[in-house]
N, C-alpha and C. Protein backbone atom coordinates (compact mmCIF):
# COMPACT_ATOMS: atom_id res chain seq x y z
N MET A 1 0.85 -1.20 0.00
CA MET A 1 0.00 0.00 0.00
C MET A 1 0.88 1.24 0.00
N ASP A 2 0.60 2.15 -0.91
CA ASP A 2 1.38 3.38 -1.01
C ASP A 2 0.82 4.39 -0.01
N ILE A 3 1.65 4.74 0.97
CA ILE A 3 1.20 5.63 2.04
C ILE A 3 0.82 7.01 1.51
N GLU A 4 1.55 7.49 0.48
CA GLU A 4 1.26 8.82 -0.07
C GLU A 4 -0.10 8.82 -0.78
N ASN A 5 -0.35 7.75 -1.53
CA ASN A 5 -1.65 7.64 -2.20
C ASN A 5 -2.79 7.56 -1.18
N LEU A 6 -2.52 6.82 -0.11
CA LEU A 6 -3.52 6.67 0.94
C LEU A 6 -3.85 8.02 1.58
N LYS A 7 -2.80 8.80 1.87
CA LYS A 7 -3.00 10.12 2.48
C LYS A 7 -3.77 11.03 1.53
N ARG A 8 -3.36 11.01 0.26
CA ARG A 8 -4.00 11.88 -0.74
C ARG A 8 -5.48 11.52 -0.91
N GLN A 9 -5.76 10.22 -0.90
CA GLN A 9 -7.15 9.77 -1.06
C GLN A 9 -8.03 10.28 0.07
N TYR A 10 -7.51 10.19 1.30
CA TYR A 10 -8.30 10.62 2.45
C TYR A 10 -8.48 12.13 2.47
N VAL A 11 -7.46 12.86 2.03
CA VAL A 11 -7.56 14.32 1.95
C VAL A 11 -8.61 14.71 0.91
N GLU A 12 -8.57 14.03 -0.24
CA GLU A 12 -9.54 14.32 -1.31
C GLU A 12 -10.96 13.99 -0.86
N ASP A 13 -11.11 12.85 -0.17
CA ASP A 13 -12.44 12.46 0.33
C ASP A 13 -12.97 13.49 1.31
N LYS A 14 -12.08 13.96 2.18
CA LYS A 14 -12.49 14.96 3.17
C LYS A 14 -12.90 16.26 2.49
N SER A 15 -12.13 16.68 1.48
CA SER A 15 -12.44 17.92 0.76
C SER A 15 -13.78 17.82 0.04
N GLU A 16 -14.03 16.64 -0.56
CA GLU A 16 -15.30 16.46 -1.28
C GLU A 16 -16.48 16.50 -0.32
N LYS A 17 -16.32 15.85 0.85
CA LYS A 17 -17.40 15.85 1.84
C LYS A 17 -17.67 17.26 2.35
N GLU A 18 -16.60 18.03 2.58
CA GLU A 18 -16.76 19.40 3.05
C GLU A 18 -17.46 20.25 2.00
N TYR A 19 -17.10 20.02 0.73
CA TYR A 19 -17.72 20.77 -0.37
C TYR A 19 -19.22 20.45 -0.45
N ILE A 20 -19.56 19.16 -0.34
CA ILE A 20 -20.97 18.76 -0.38
C ILE A 20 -21.74 19.38 0.78
N GLU A 21 -21.12 19.41 1.97
CA GLU A 21 -21.78 20.01 3.12
C GLU A 21 -22.02 21.49 2.90
N ASN A 22 -21.08 22.17 2.26
CA ASN A 22 -21.26 23.59 1.95
C ASN A 22 -22.41 23.80 0.97
N VAL A 23 -22.49 22.92 -0.03
CA VAL A 23 -23.58 23.00 -1.00
C VAL A 23 -24.92 22.75 -0.30
N LYS A 24 -24.95 21.81 0.63
CA LYS A 24 -26.17 21.55 1.39
C LYS A 24 -26.59 22.78 2.19
N ARG A 25 -25.61 23.42 2.86
CA ARG A 25 -25.93 24.60 3.66
C ARG A 25 -26.50 25.71 2.78
N THR A 26 -25.89 25.88 1.61
CA THR A 26 -26.38 26.90 0.68
C THR A 26 -27.82 26.60 0.25
N ALA A 27 -28.09 25.33 -0.06
CA ALA A 27 -29.44 24.93 -0.48
C ALA A 27 -30.46 25.19 0.64
N MET A 28 -30.07 24.92 1.88
CA MET A 28 -30.97 25.15 3.01
C MET A 28 -31.27 26.63 3.20
N VAL A 29 -30.25 27.47 3.04
CA VAL A 29 -30.44 28.92 3.15
C VAL A 29 -31.40 29.41 2.07
N LEU A 30 -31.20 28.93 0.85
CA LEU A 30 -32.06 29.33 -0.27
C LEU A 30 -33.50 28.85 -0.06
N LEU A 31 -33.63 27.62 0.45
CA LEU A 31 -34.97 27.08 0.72
C LEU A 31 -35.69 27.94 1.76
N LYS A 32 -34.98 28.36 2.79
CA LYS A 32 -35.58 29.21 3.82
C LYS A 32 -36.08 30.52 3.21
N GLN A 33 -35.23 31.15 2.36
CA GLN A 33 -35.63 32.40 1.70
C GLN A 33 -36.87 32.20 0.85
N LEU A 34 -36.89 31.09 0.11
CA LEU A 34 -38.01 30.82 -0.79
C LEU A 34 -39.31 30.61 -0.01
N ILE A 35 -39.24 29.86 1.06
CA ILE A 35 -40.44 29.60 1.86
C ILE A 35 -40.96 30.88 2.50
N ASN A 36 -40.05 31.76 2.96
CA ASN A 36 -40.47 33.05 3.52
C ASN A 36 -41.14 33.92 2.47
N LEU A 37 -40.58 33.95 1.26
CA LEU A 37 -41.18 34.73 0.17
C LEU A 37 -42.53 34.15 -0.24
N ASP A 38 -42.62 32.82 -0.25
CA ASP A 38 -43.87 32.15 -0.58
C ASP A 38 -44.97 32.57 0.40
N LYS A 39 -44.63 32.61 1.68
CA LYS A 39 -45.60 33.02 2.71
C LYS A 39 -46.02 34.47 2.49
N GLU A 40 -45.05 35.32 2.17
CA GLU A 40 -45.35 36.74 1.95
C GLU A 40 -46.28 36.94 0.75
N ILE A 41 -46.02 36.20 -0.32
CA ILE A 41 -46.85 36.32 -1.52
C ILE A 41 -48.29 35.89 -1.24
N TRP A 42 -48.46 34.80 -0.51
CA TRP A 42 -49.83 34.34 -0.25
C TRP A 42 -50.56 35.26 0.72
N GLU A 43 -49.82 35.95 1.60
CA GLU A 43 -50.45 36.97 2.44
C GLU A 43 -50.96 38.12 1.58
N GLU A 44 -50.15 38.51 0.59
CA GLU A 44 -50.56 39.56 -0.34
C GLU A 44 -51.79 39.11 -1.15
N CYS A 45 -51.80 37.85 -1.55
CA CYS A 45 -52.96 37.32 -2.29
C CYS A 45 -54.23 37.43 -1.46
N SER A 46 -54.12 37.12 -0.18
CA SER A 46 -55.27 37.22 0.70
C SER A 46 -55.78 38.65 0.77
N ASN A 47 -54.86 39.62 0.88
CA ASN A 47 -55.24 41.03 0.92
C ASN A 47 -55.92 41.46 -0.38
N ILE A 48 -55.34 41.04 -1.51
CA ILE A 48 -55.89 41.40 -2.82
C ILE A 48 -57.27 40.77 -3.00
N CYS A 49 -57.43 39.54 -2.53
CA CYS A 49 -58.71 38.85 -2.65
C CYS A 49 -59.82 39.63 -1.94
N HIS A 50 -59.53 40.18 -0.76
CA HIS A 50 -60.53 40.96 -0.02
C HIS A 50 -60.94 42.20 -0.80
N ILE A 51 -59.98 42.82 -1.50
CA ILE A 51 -60.29 43.99 -2.32
C ILE A 51 -61.24 43.60 -3.45
N TYR A 52 -60.96 42.48 -4.10
CA TYR A 52 -61.81 42.03 -5.21
C TYR A 52 -63.18 41.58 -4.74
N ILE A 53 -63.27 41.05 -3.52
CA ILE A 53 -64.57 40.66 -2.98
C ILE A 53 -65.47 41.89 -2.85
N ALA A 54 -64.89 43.01 -2.42
CA ALA A 54 -65.65 44.26 -2.35
C ALA A 54 -66.01 44.74 -3.76
N ASN A 55 -65.09 44.54 -4.71
CA ASN A 55 -65.33 45.01 -6.07
C ASN A 55 -66.46 44.27 -6.78
N ILE A 56 -66.57 42.96 -6.53
CA ILE A 56 -67.62 42.21 -7.24
C ILE A 56 -69.00 42.71 -6.82
N LYS A 57 -69.14 43.11 -5.57
CA LYS A 57 -70.42 43.68 -5.12
C LYS A 57 -70.73 44.96 -5.89
N LYS A 58 -69.72 45.82 -6.01
CA LYS A 58 -69.91 47.08 -6.73
C LYS A 58 -70.23 46.82 -8.20
N GLU A 59 -69.48 45.88 -8.81
CA GLU A 59 -69.69 45.60 -10.23
C GLU A 59 -71.08 45.02 -10.48
N PHE A 60 -71.51 44.11 -9.61
CA PHE A 60 -72.85 43.53 -9.73
C PHE A 60 -73.91 44.62 -9.66
N CYS A 61 -73.81 45.45 -8.62
CA CYS A 61 -74.81 46.51 -8.43
C CYS A 61 -74.79 47.50 -9.59
N ASN A 62 -73.62 47.97 -9.97
CA ASN A 62 -73.52 48.97 -11.05
C ASN A 62 -74.06 48.45 -12.37
N TYR A 63 -73.75 47.18 -12.67
CA TYR A 63 -74.19 46.61 -13.95
C TYR A 63 -75.71 46.54 -14.03
N PHE A 64 -76.35 46.08 -12.96
CA PHE A 64 -77.80 45.92 -13.02
C PHE A 64 -78.53 47.24 -12.82
N ILE A 65 -77.97 48.16 -12.06
CA ILE A 65 -78.59 49.48 -11.92
C ILE A 65 -78.65 50.19 -13.27
N LYS A 66 -77.55 50.12 -14.03
CA LYS A 66 -77.54 50.81 -15.33
C LYS A 66 -78.47 50.12 -16.34
N ASN A 67 -78.89 48.90 -16.02
CA ASN A 67 -79.84 48.19 -16.88
C ASN A 67 -81.27 48.21 -16.32
N GLY A 68 -81.52 49.12 -15.38
CA GLY A 68 -82.88 49.36 -14.91
C GLY A 68 -83.36 48.48 -13.77
N PHE A 69 -82.48 47.77 -13.12
CA PHE A 69 -82.85 46.91 -11.99
C PHE A 69 -82.81 47.70 -10.68
N GLU A 70 -83.62 47.26 -9.74
CA GLU A 70 -83.51 47.74 -8.36
C GLU A 70 -82.62 46.78 -7.59
N ILE A 71 -81.90 47.31 -6.62
CA ILE A 71 -80.94 46.49 -5.86
C ILE A 71 -81.35 46.40 -4.41
N ARG A 72 -81.33 45.19 -3.87
CA ARG A 72 -81.49 44.98 -2.43
C ARG A 72 -80.27 44.21 -1.93
N GLN A 73 -79.70 44.72 -0.85
CA GLN A 73 -78.49 44.08 -0.32
C GLN A 73 -78.75 43.51 1.06
N GLY A 74 -78.30 42.29 1.25
CA GLY A 74 -78.38 41.63 2.53
C GLY A 74 -77.34 40.52 2.53
N THR A 75 -77.73 39.34 3.05
CA THR A 75 -76.82 38.20 2.96
C THR A 75 -76.48 37.90 1.51
N GLU A 76 -77.49 38.06 0.65
CA GLU A 76 -77.27 37.98 -0.79
C GLU A 76 -77.67 39.30 -1.42
N ILE A 77 -77.09 39.60 -2.57
CA ILE A 77 -77.45 40.81 -3.30
C ILE A 77 -78.49 40.42 -4.34
N ILE A 78 -79.59 41.16 -4.38
CA ILE A 78 -80.68 40.85 -5.30
C ILE A 78 -80.89 42.02 -6.25
N ALA A 79 -80.86 41.72 -7.54
CA ALA A 79 -81.21 42.69 -8.57
C ALA A 79 -82.59 42.32 -9.10
N LYS A 80 -83.55 43.28 -9.02
CA LYS A 80 -84.95 42.95 -9.35
C LYS A 80 -85.45 43.87 -10.46
N TYR A 81 -86.05 43.26 -11.47
CA TYR A 81 -86.72 44.01 -12.54
C TYR A 81 -88.06 43.35 -12.77
N GLU A 82 -89.13 44.03 -12.29
CA GLU A 82 -90.49 43.48 -12.32
C GLU A 82 -90.48 42.10 -11.66
N CYS A 83 -90.79 41.02 -12.41
CA CYS A 83 -90.85 39.69 -11.77
C CYS A 83 -89.53 38.92 -11.88
N LEU A 84 -88.52 39.54 -12.49
CA LEU A 84 -87.22 38.87 -12.65
C LEU A 84 -86.29 39.23 -11.50
N GLU A 85 -85.76 38.22 -10.84
CA GLU A 85 -84.76 38.43 -9.78
C GLU A 85 -83.46 37.72 -10.13
N ILE A 86 -82.37 38.43 -9.95
CA ILE A 86 -81.04 37.86 -10.13
C ILE A 86 -80.30 38.03 -8.81
N LYS A 87 -79.83 36.91 -8.26
CA LYS A 87 -79.23 36.93 -6.92
C LYS A 87 -77.77 36.50 -6.97
N LEU A 88 -76.98 37.16 -6.15
CA LEU A 88 -75.56 36.79 -5.99
C LEU A 88 -75.32 36.48 -4.52
N LEU A 89 -74.95 35.24 -4.24
CA LEU A 89 -74.71 34.80 -2.87
C LEU A 89 -73.29 34.28 -2.74
N LYS A 90 -72.56 34.85 -1.78
CA LYS A 90 -71.19 34.38 -1.52
C LYS A 90 -71.25 33.11 -0.68
N LEU A 91 -70.54 32.09 -1.11
CA LEU A 91 -70.50 30.83 -0.37
C LEU A 91 -69.53 30.94 0.80
N ALA A 92 -69.68 30.02 1.74
CA ALA A 92 -68.80 30.02 2.92
C ALA A 92 -67.35 29.90 2.47
N GLU A 93 -66.48 30.63 3.14
CA GLU A 93 -65.07 30.64 2.75
C GLU A 93 -64.42 29.29 3.01
N ASP A 94 -63.71 28.80 2.00
CA ASP A 94 -62.88 27.62 2.22
C ASP A 94 -61.43 27.93 1.87
N SER A 95 -61.18 29.19 1.53
CA SER A 95 -59.82 29.61 1.18
C SER A 95 -59.69 31.10 1.42
N LYS A 96 -58.52 31.53 1.86
CA LYS A 96 -58.26 32.96 2.03
C LYS A 96 -57.91 33.62 0.71
N TYR A 97 -57.69 32.82 -0.33
CA TYR A 97 -57.15 33.34 -1.58
C TYR A 97 -58.14 33.29 -2.73
N GLU A 98 -59.33 32.74 -2.49
CA GLU A 98 -60.36 32.66 -3.53
C GLU A 98 -61.71 32.95 -2.89
N ALA A 99 -62.67 33.32 -3.73
CA ALA A 99 -64.04 33.50 -3.25
C ALA A 99 -64.99 32.84 -4.24
N LYS A 100 -66.00 32.14 -3.71
CA LYS A 100 -66.96 31.44 -4.57
C LYS A 100 -68.37 32.00 -4.35
N TYR A 101 -69.13 32.04 -5.44
CA TYR A 101 -70.47 32.61 -5.41
C TYR A 101 -71.43 31.72 -6.20
N ILE A 102 -72.72 31.81 -5.84
CA ILE A 102 -73.78 31.25 -6.67
C ILE A 102 -74.55 32.43 -7.26
N LEU A 103 -74.69 32.42 -8.57
CA LEU A 103 -75.50 33.42 -9.27
C LEU A 103 -76.78 32.74 -9.72
N THR A 104 -77.91 33.19 -9.18
CA THR A 104 -79.20 32.59 -9.50
C THR A 104 -80.00 33.55 -10.37
N ILE A 105 -80.49 33.06 -11.49
CA ILE A 105 -81.24 33.90 -12.43
C ILE A 105 -82.66 33.35 -12.55
N GLY A 106 -83.61 34.18 -12.11
CA GLY A 106 -85.02 33.81 -12.25
C GLY A 106 -85.45 32.62 -11.43
N GLY A 107 -84.65 32.20 -10.49
CA GLY A 107 -85.03 31.11 -9.60
C GLY A 107 -84.80 29.72 -10.14
N ASP A 108 -84.45 29.59 -11.43
CA ASP A 108 -84.29 28.25 -11.99
C ASP A 108 -82.94 28.02 -12.66
N LYS A 109 -82.14 29.05 -12.80
CA LYS A 109 -80.82 28.90 -13.40
C LYS A 109 -79.75 29.27 -12.38
N GLU A 110 -78.82 28.36 -12.20
CA GLU A 110 -77.73 28.60 -11.24
C GLU A 110 -76.38 28.49 -11.93
N PHE A 111 -75.51 29.43 -11.59
CA PHE A 111 -74.15 29.41 -12.11
C PHE A 111 -73.20 29.59 -10.93
N TYR A 112 -72.11 28.85 -10.98
CA TYR A 112 -71.10 28.95 -9.93
C TYR A 112 -69.95 29.82 -10.44
N ILE A 113 -69.62 30.82 -9.64
CA ILE A 113 -68.60 31.80 -10.03
C ILE A 113 -67.47 31.76 -9.02
N LYS A 114 -66.27 31.86 -9.54
CA LYS A 114 -65.10 31.88 -8.66
C LYS A 114 -64.27 33.13 -8.94
N LEU A 115 -63.83 33.76 -7.88
CA LEU A 115 -62.90 34.88 -7.95
C LEU A 115 -61.55 34.34 -7.49
N ARG A 116 -60.54 34.39 -8.36
CA ARG A 116 -59.26 33.75 -8.03
C ARG A 116 -58.13 34.41 -8.80
N PRO A 117 -56.87 34.10 -8.43
CA PRO A 117 -55.74 34.60 -9.22
C PRO A 117 -55.82 34.05 -10.65
N SER A 118 -55.37 34.84 -11.61
CA SER A 118 -55.37 34.38 -13.00
C SER A 118 -54.45 33.18 -13.15
N ASN A 119 -54.70 32.37 -14.18
CA ASN A 119 -53.87 31.19 -14.41
C ASN A 119 -52.40 31.55 -14.55
N LYS A 120 -52.13 32.68 -15.21
CA LYS A 120 -50.74 33.12 -15.40
C LYS A 120 -50.05 33.29 -14.06
N TYR A 121 -50.71 33.99 -13.13
CA TYR A 121 -50.08 34.24 -11.84
C TYR A 121 -50.09 33.01 -10.95
N LYS A 122 -51.11 32.17 -11.08
CA LYS A 122 -51.11 30.92 -10.29
C LYS A 122 -49.92 30.05 -10.65
N ARG A 123 -49.61 30.01 -11.96
CA ARG A 123 -48.44 29.23 -12.38
C ARG A 123 -47.15 29.83 -11.82
N MET A 124 -47.10 31.16 -11.77
CA MET A 124 -45.88 31.82 -11.30
C MET A 124 -45.64 31.60 -9.81
N ILE A 125 -46.71 31.59 -9.02
CA ILE A 125 -46.53 31.51 -7.57
C ILE A 125 -46.62 30.09 -7.04
N SER A 126 -46.97 29.15 -7.90
CA SER A 126 -47.04 27.75 -7.47
C SER A 126 -45.68 27.09 -7.67
N TRP A 127 -45.27 26.32 -6.72
CA TRP A 127 -44.01 25.59 -6.88
C TRP A 127 -44.09 24.31 -6.05
N ASN A 128 -43.60 23.28 -6.65
CA ASN A 128 -43.54 21.99 -5.96
C ASN A 128 -42.33 21.27 -6.51
N TYR A 129 -41.20 21.46 -5.85
CA TYR A 129 -39.96 20.84 -6.33
C TYR A 129 -39.85 19.44 -5.77
N PRO A 130 -39.81 18.41 -6.63
CA PRO A 130 -39.68 17.04 -6.12
C PRO A 130 -38.28 16.83 -5.54
N LEU A 131 -38.20 16.93 -4.24
CA LEU A 131 -36.89 16.89 -3.59
C LEU A 131 -36.29 15.49 -3.67
N PHE A 132 -35.34 15.35 -4.56
CA PHE A 132 -34.50 14.17 -4.61
C PHE A 132 -35.30 12.86 -4.69
N ASN A 133 -36.17 12.84 -5.71
CA ASN A 133 -36.93 11.63 -6.06
C ASN A 133 -38.00 11.23 -5.06
N ASN A 134 -38.40 12.15 -4.20
CA ASN A 134 -39.58 11.81 -3.40
C ASN A 134 -40.78 12.55 -3.97
N ASP A 135 -41.94 12.33 -3.39
CA ASP A 135 -43.16 12.93 -3.91
C ASP A 135 -43.69 14.01 -2.98
N GLU A 136 -42.80 14.64 -2.25
CA GLU A 136 -43.21 15.63 -1.27
C GLU A 136 -43.83 16.84 -1.95
N ALA A 137 -45.05 17.18 -1.57
CA ALA A 137 -45.70 18.38 -2.11
C ALA A 137 -45.77 19.43 -1.01
N ASN A 138 -45.90 20.69 -1.42
CA ASN A 138 -45.98 21.79 -0.46
C ASN A 138 -44.84 21.70 0.56
N ILE A 139 -43.65 21.84 0.06
CA ILE A 139 -42.45 21.63 0.87
C ILE A 139 -42.42 22.57 2.07
N SER A 140 -42.16 22.03 3.23
CA SER A 140 -41.94 22.84 4.41
C SER A 140 -40.43 22.94 4.63
N ARG A 141 -40.04 23.90 5.45
CA ARG A 141 -38.61 24.04 5.71
C ARG A 141 -38.07 22.79 6.38
N GLU A 142 -38.86 22.20 7.28
CA GLU A 142 -38.39 21.03 8.03
C GLU A 142 -38.14 19.84 7.11
N ASN A 143 -39.15 19.47 6.30
CA ASN A 143 -38.93 18.28 5.47
C ASN A 143 -38.00 18.57 4.30
N GLY A 144 -37.94 19.85 3.87
CA GLY A 144 -36.99 20.22 2.83
C GLY A 144 -35.56 20.09 3.31
N ASN A 145 -35.30 20.60 4.51
CA ASN A 145 -33.95 20.50 5.09
C ASN A 145 -33.55 19.05 5.30
N LYS A 146 -34.51 18.23 5.71
CA LYS A 146 -34.19 16.81 5.93
C LYS A 146 -33.79 16.14 4.61
N ALA A 147 -34.56 16.45 3.55
CA ALA A 147 -34.25 15.85 2.25
C ALA A 147 -32.88 16.30 1.76
N ILE A 148 -32.56 17.58 1.98
CA ILE A 148 -31.24 18.10 1.59
C ILE A 148 -30.15 17.41 2.39
N ALA A 149 -30.35 17.31 3.71
CA ALA A 149 -29.34 16.70 4.57
C ALA A 149 -29.10 15.23 4.21
N ASP A 150 -30.15 14.55 3.78
CA ASP A 150 -30.03 13.12 3.46
C ASP A 150 -29.44 12.85 2.08
N CYS A 151 -29.32 13.89 1.27
CA CYS A 151 -28.84 13.71 -0.11
C CYS A 151 -27.34 13.97 -0.20
N ASN A 152 -26.63 13.07 -0.84
CA ASN A 152 -25.20 13.26 -1.06
C ASN A 152 -24.85 13.30 -2.55
N ASP A 153 -25.89 13.43 -3.37
CA ASP A 153 -25.69 13.54 -4.82
C ASP A 153 -25.46 15.01 -5.16
N LEU A 154 -24.24 15.33 -5.52
CA LEU A 154 -23.86 16.72 -5.74
C LEU A 154 -24.69 17.38 -6.84
N GLU A 155 -24.95 16.66 -7.92
CA GLU A 155 -25.72 17.23 -9.03
C GLU A 155 -27.15 17.56 -8.62
N LYS A 156 -27.76 16.66 -7.85
CA LYS A 156 -29.12 16.92 -7.39
C LYS A 156 -29.17 18.12 -6.45
N LEU A 157 -28.16 18.23 -5.60
CA LEU A 157 -28.09 19.37 -4.69
C LEU A 157 -27.93 20.68 -5.45
N LYS A 158 -27.08 20.66 -6.46
CA LYS A 158 -26.86 21.87 -7.26
C LYS A 158 -28.13 22.26 -8.03
N LYS A 159 -28.81 21.26 -8.59
CA LYS A 159 -30.04 21.54 -9.33
C LYS A 159 -31.12 22.12 -8.41
N ALA A 160 -31.19 21.59 -7.20
CA ALA A 160 -32.16 22.12 -6.24
C ALA A 160 -31.85 23.58 -5.92
N SER A 161 -30.58 23.90 -5.70
CA SER A 161 -30.18 25.28 -5.41
C SER A 161 -30.51 26.21 -6.57
N GLU A 162 -30.27 25.75 -7.79
CA GLU A 162 -30.58 26.57 -8.97
C GLU A 162 -32.08 26.83 -9.08
N PHE A 163 -32.87 25.80 -8.78
CA PHE A 163 -34.33 25.97 -8.81
C PHE A 163 -34.76 26.98 -7.76
N PHE A 164 -34.22 26.85 -6.53
CA PHE A 164 -34.58 27.78 -5.47
C PHE A 164 -34.21 29.22 -5.84
N LYS A 165 -33.02 29.40 -6.42
CA LYS A 165 -32.59 30.74 -6.84
C LYS A 165 -33.55 31.34 -7.86
N LYS A 166 -33.94 30.52 -8.84
CA LYS A 166 -34.83 31.00 -9.90
C LYS A 166 -36.18 31.43 -9.33
N LYS A 167 -36.74 30.61 -8.44
CA LYS A 167 -38.04 30.95 -7.86
C LYS A 167 -37.93 32.17 -6.95
N ILE A 168 -36.83 32.33 -6.25
CA ILE A 168 -36.62 33.51 -5.41
C ILE A 168 -36.65 34.77 -6.27
N GLU A 169 -35.98 34.74 -7.41
CA GLU A 169 -35.97 35.88 -8.33
C GLU A 169 -37.39 36.18 -8.82
N GLU A 170 -38.12 35.13 -9.20
CA GLU A 170 -39.49 35.32 -9.69
C GLU A 170 -40.39 35.91 -8.61
N PHE A 171 -40.27 35.39 -7.39
CA PHE A 171 -41.11 35.88 -6.30
C PHE A 171 -40.78 37.33 -5.96
N ASN A 172 -39.50 37.68 -5.98
CA ASN A 172 -39.12 39.07 -5.71
C ASN A 172 -39.67 40.01 -6.77
N GLU A 173 -39.68 39.56 -8.02
CA GLU A 173 -40.25 40.38 -9.10
C GLU A 173 -41.74 40.60 -8.88
N ILE A 174 -42.44 39.56 -8.48
CA ILE A 174 -43.88 39.69 -8.23
C ILE A 174 -44.13 40.66 -7.09
N LEU A 175 -43.38 40.52 -6.00
CA LEU A 175 -43.58 41.39 -4.83
C LEU A 175 -43.21 42.83 -5.11
N SER A 176 -42.28 43.05 -6.04
CA SER A 176 -41.87 44.42 -6.37
C SER A 176 -42.95 45.15 -7.17
N ASP A 177 -43.88 44.39 -7.77
CA ASP A 177 -44.96 44.99 -8.55
C ASP A 177 -46.27 44.28 -8.23
N ILE A 178 -46.58 44.19 -6.94
CA ILE A 178 -47.72 43.39 -6.49
C ILE A 178 -49.05 43.97 -6.99
N ASN A 179 -49.08 45.27 -7.30
CA ASN A 179 -50.33 45.88 -7.76
C ASN A 179 -50.75 45.37 -9.13
N SER A 180 -49.82 44.76 -9.86
CA SER A 180 -50.17 44.21 -11.18
C SER A 180 -50.72 42.79 -11.07
N PHE A 181 -50.75 42.26 -9.85
CA PHE A 181 -51.22 40.89 -9.64
C PHE A 181 -52.71 40.82 -9.98
N ARG A 182 -53.08 39.95 -10.90
CA ARG A 182 -54.44 39.92 -11.42
C ARG A 182 -55.30 38.83 -10.79
N TYR A 183 -56.47 39.26 -10.33
CA TYR A 183 -57.53 38.33 -9.98
C TYR A 183 -58.56 38.37 -11.11
N ILE A 184 -59.21 37.26 -11.37
CA ILE A 184 -60.18 37.18 -12.47
C ILE A 184 -61.45 36.47 -11.99
N TYR A 185 -62.49 36.58 -12.83
CA TYR A 185 -63.72 35.84 -12.61
C TYR A 185 -63.74 34.63 -13.54
N THR A 186 -64.27 33.55 -13.07
CA THR A 186 -64.44 32.38 -13.93
C THR A 186 -65.65 31.59 -13.46
N GLU A 187 -66.30 30.93 -14.39
CA GLU A 187 -67.39 30.03 -14.04
C GLU A 187 -66.79 28.66 -13.76
N TYR A 188 -67.34 27.95 -12.79
CA TYR A 188 -66.82 26.62 -12.49
C TYR A 188 -67.97 25.66 -12.21
N GLU A 189 -67.67 24.39 -12.32
CA GLU A 189 -68.67 23.36 -12.02
C GLU A 189 -68.58 22.99 -10.55
N LYS A 190 -69.73 22.81 -9.94
CA LYS A 190 -69.77 22.44 -8.53
C LYS A 190 -69.03 21.13 -8.31
N ASP A 191 -68.22 21.10 -7.26
CA ASP A 191 -67.43 19.92 -6.87
C ASP A 191 -66.30 19.59 -7.83
N LYS A 192 -66.06 20.45 -8.81
CA LYS A 192 -64.93 20.24 -9.72
C LYS A 192 -63.71 20.95 -9.16
N THR A 193 -62.59 20.27 -9.11
CA THR A 193 -61.40 20.84 -8.47
C THR A 193 -60.52 21.63 -9.43
N THR A 194 -60.57 21.32 -10.72
CA THR A 194 -59.71 22.02 -11.68
C THR A 194 -60.33 23.35 -12.07
N ASP A 195 -59.49 24.32 -12.40
CA ASP A 195 -59.96 25.65 -12.77
C ASP A 195 -60.37 25.71 -14.23
N ASP A 196 -61.44 26.47 -14.48
CA ASP A 196 -61.85 26.72 -15.85
C ASP A 196 -60.81 27.62 -16.52
N LYS A 197 -60.47 27.31 -17.76
CA LYS A 197 -59.43 28.08 -18.45
C LYS A 197 -59.94 29.41 -18.98
N VAL A 198 -61.28 29.56 -19.09
CA VAL A 198 -61.84 30.81 -19.60
C VAL A 198 -61.92 31.81 -18.47
N GLU A 199 -61.22 32.93 -18.62
CA GLU A 199 -61.13 33.93 -17.57
C GLU A 199 -61.74 35.25 -18.04
N PHE A 200 -62.33 35.98 -17.09
CA PHE A 200 -62.95 37.26 -17.40
C PHE A 200 -62.43 38.32 -16.43
N ASP A 201 -62.19 39.51 -16.96
CA ASP A 201 -61.65 40.58 -16.13
C ASP A 201 -62.71 41.27 -15.30
N THR A 202 -63.96 41.24 -15.75
CA THR A 202 -65.04 41.93 -15.04
C THR A 202 -66.25 41.01 -14.89
N PHE A 203 -67.10 41.37 -13.92
CA PHE A 203 -68.34 40.62 -13.73
C PHE A 203 -69.22 40.73 -14.98
N GLU A 204 -69.27 41.92 -15.58
CA GLU A 204 -70.11 42.11 -16.77
C GLU A 204 -69.69 41.17 -17.90
N GLU A 205 -68.39 41.03 -18.13
CA GLU A 205 -67.90 40.13 -19.17
C GLU A 205 -68.35 38.70 -18.90
N LEU A 206 -68.22 38.28 -17.64
CA LEU A 206 -68.62 36.91 -17.30
C LEU A 206 -70.12 36.73 -17.50
N PHE A 207 -70.92 37.71 -17.03
CA PHE A 207 -72.38 37.58 -17.12
C PHE A 207 -72.82 37.47 -18.58
N ARG A 208 -72.22 38.25 -19.45
CA ARG A 208 -72.59 38.22 -20.86
C ARG A 208 -72.25 36.88 -21.51
N SER A 209 -71.30 36.15 -20.93
CA SER A 209 -70.88 34.87 -21.51
C SER A 209 -71.79 33.71 -21.09
N LEU A 210 -72.62 33.93 -20.07
CA LEU A 210 -73.42 32.82 -19.52
C LEU A 210 -74.55 32.42 -20.47
C-alpha cells in the first residue's frame, strides 16, 4: 500500500465531503428564503382577494342598476326588474385566496362563479420541487432540510439550489410589482377541483358569456 496515495485519497475524500456540506448549507439557506417569500406572496394574495370581494359587489350593483334593476343588499345581493330576480350569494369561505359565489337567475338557473388569481399568476406563484426523487408536495422548511441533509448527490443538490434561486428571483419580481397581480372571474362546475381556463376581467364580461 502506497502511504502517499492513501493520504492523498483521504484528503480528497475529506475535501469532497466538506464541499458537499457547503452545497447543502447553501441549499438550506435558499430554501428558507423561498419559503419566507412564498408566505409573503400568499399573504398579499389574501389582501388582494378581499379587495376584489368588495369590487364584485360594486360591479354587480352597477351593472344591473344601469340596466334598470332595483338592488337589495343583505346576505345575498338581489337585482330585481319586475318579476325577474337575479341573486348573488357568496359561499362560505374555504380559502383565504379565492371566493366562490352562486349566481341565481329567475329562480331556476344557477351558475357557480369563482374569484381567483389568474392562471398566469397561479403558475408563477405555485411551486412543488420534487426533492430528490420523493413525492413531497408543499415543501416545508423542516422536510426540505431533511431531504437536503439526506442527499449526497452533488448534481441533485446543485439543481435544487438553482431551482430555489430562480423561484426567489421570480417571487421578488412579483412582490416588487404586487399591484399588477391579477384576480379574475371564472365560471366553475360544482365539486370540480380544476380551474376553468376561460377567464374574465369583469363581472359584466362573465355575465354576458353565460
